[in-house]
Amino acid sequence: MKFNEKLKLLREKNGYTVKQVAKAARVRAKTMEKYESGIEIPKLKTIIKIAEFYGFSTAELFQKAMNEVNEINEAIKKGADTE
């Protein structure tokens, strides 16, 4: 699961609105929507606030993000190998 999908799933499973999570993360609701849609990636301080809001460690959220980065890197590497 991609990081942005994890953010959206966490919010929906816990019954929060985008506005509630955005307020806890100290960002605008539009910005939170961008995070959830994968248009933008939150800064470290925002990730920490989001993790605290849900009672997760940043490591749990980062692991999901690192998995996504690794998938992208592998796709880039495979693309370079086929050229």
Protein backbone atom coordinates (compact mmCIF):
# COMPACT_ATOMS: atom_id res chain seq x y z
CA MET A 1 0.00 0.00 0.00
CA LYS A 2 1.31 3.41 -0.94
CA PHE A 3 1.90 6.07 1.69
CA ASN A 4 -0.92 8.31 0.45
CA GLU A 5 -3.31 5.35 0.46
CA LYS A 6 -2.28 4.56 4.04
CA LEU A 7 -3.07 8.11 5.11
CA LYS A 8 -6.53 7.99 3.56
CA LEU A 9 -7.28 4.53 4.91
CA LEU A 10 -6.24 5.52 8.43
CA ARG A 11 -8.50 8.54 8.31
CA GLU A 12 -11.49 6.67 6.94
CA LYS A 13 -11.11 3.68 9.29
CA ASN A 14 -10.98 6.01 12.28
CA GLY A 15 -13.96 8.07 11.14
CA TYR A 16 -12.11 11.38 10.83
CA THR A 17 -12.68 14.08 8.25
CA VAL A 18 -9.87 15.53 6.16
CA LYS A 19 -10.35 18.76 8.07
CA GLN A 20 -9.85 17.07 11.46
CA VAL A 21 -6.61 15.36 10.44
CA ALA A 22 -5.38 18.51 8.72
CA LYS A 23 -5.98 20.52 11.88
CA ALA A 24 -4.00 18.01 13.95
CA ALA A 25 -1.17 18.08 11.40
CA ARG A 26 -1.32 21.89 11.27
CA VAL A 27 -1.88 22.02 7.51
CA ARG A 28 -4.79 23.13 5.36
CA ALA A 29 -7.47 20.62 4.39
CA LYS A 30 -6.55 21.12 0.72
CA THR A 31 -2.97 20.19 1.55
CA MET A 32 -4.11 17.05 3.37
CA GLU A 33 -6.19 16.13 0.33
CA LYS A 34 -3.06 16.46 -1.80
CA TYR A 35 -1.21 14.13 0.57
CA GLU A 36 -3.99 11.56 0.40
CA SER A 37 -4.20 11.73 -3.38
CA GLY A 38 -0.44 11.38 -3.79
CA ILE A 39 0.00 14.81 -5.42
CA GLU A 40 2.28 15.98 -2.60
CA ILE A 41 4.33 14.26 0.07
CA PRO A 42 4.20 15.67 3.60
CA LYS A 43 7.28 17.11 5.25
CA LEU A 44 8.89 15.21 8.10
CA LYS A 45 7.40 17.43 10.82
CA THR A 46 3.94 16.88 9.31
CA ILE A 47 4.43 13.13 9.19
CA ILE A 48 5.38 13.17 12.86
CA LYS A 49 2.23 15.11 13.74
CA ILE A 50 0.07 12.74 11.71
CA ALA A 51 1.66 9.72 13.38
CA GLU A 52 1.10 11.23 16.83
CA PHE A 53 -2.52 12.01 15.97
CA TYR A 54 -3.19 8.35 15.19
CA GLY A 55 -1.04 7.00 18.00
CA PHE A 56 1.42 5.35 15.62
CA SER A 57 5.14 5.55 15.60
CA THR A 58 6.72 7.43 12.76
CA ALA A 59 8.55 4.21 11.94
CA GLU A 60 5.26 2.54 11.03
CA LEU A 61 4.32 5.37 8.70
CA PHE A 62 7.84 5.65 7.31
CA GLN A 63 8.02 1.96 6.54
CA LYS A 64 5.06 2.37 4.21
CA ALA A 65 6.70 5.41 2.62
CA MET A 66 10.03 3.61 2.19
CA ASN A 67 8.31 0.68 0.53
CA GLU A 68 6.86 3.13 -1.99
CA VAL A 69 10.26 4.74 -2.62
CA ASN A 70 11.83 1.33 -3.14
CA GLU A 71 9.12 0.38 -5.64
CA ILE A 72 9.74 3.59 -7.60
CA ASN A 73 13.49 3.02 -7.56
CA GLU A 74 13.04 -0.54 -8.82
CA ALA A 75 10.77 0.64 -11.62
CA ILE A 76 13.33 3.27 -12.63
CA LYS A 77 16.11 0.69 -12.53
CA LYS A 78 14.11 -1.75 -14.66
CA GLY A 79 13.39 1.03 -17.14
CA ALA A 80 17.10 1.85 -17.37
CA ASP A 81 17.95 -1.83 -17.88
CA THR A 82 15.65 -2.09 -20.90
CA GLU A 83 17.18 0.88 -22.72
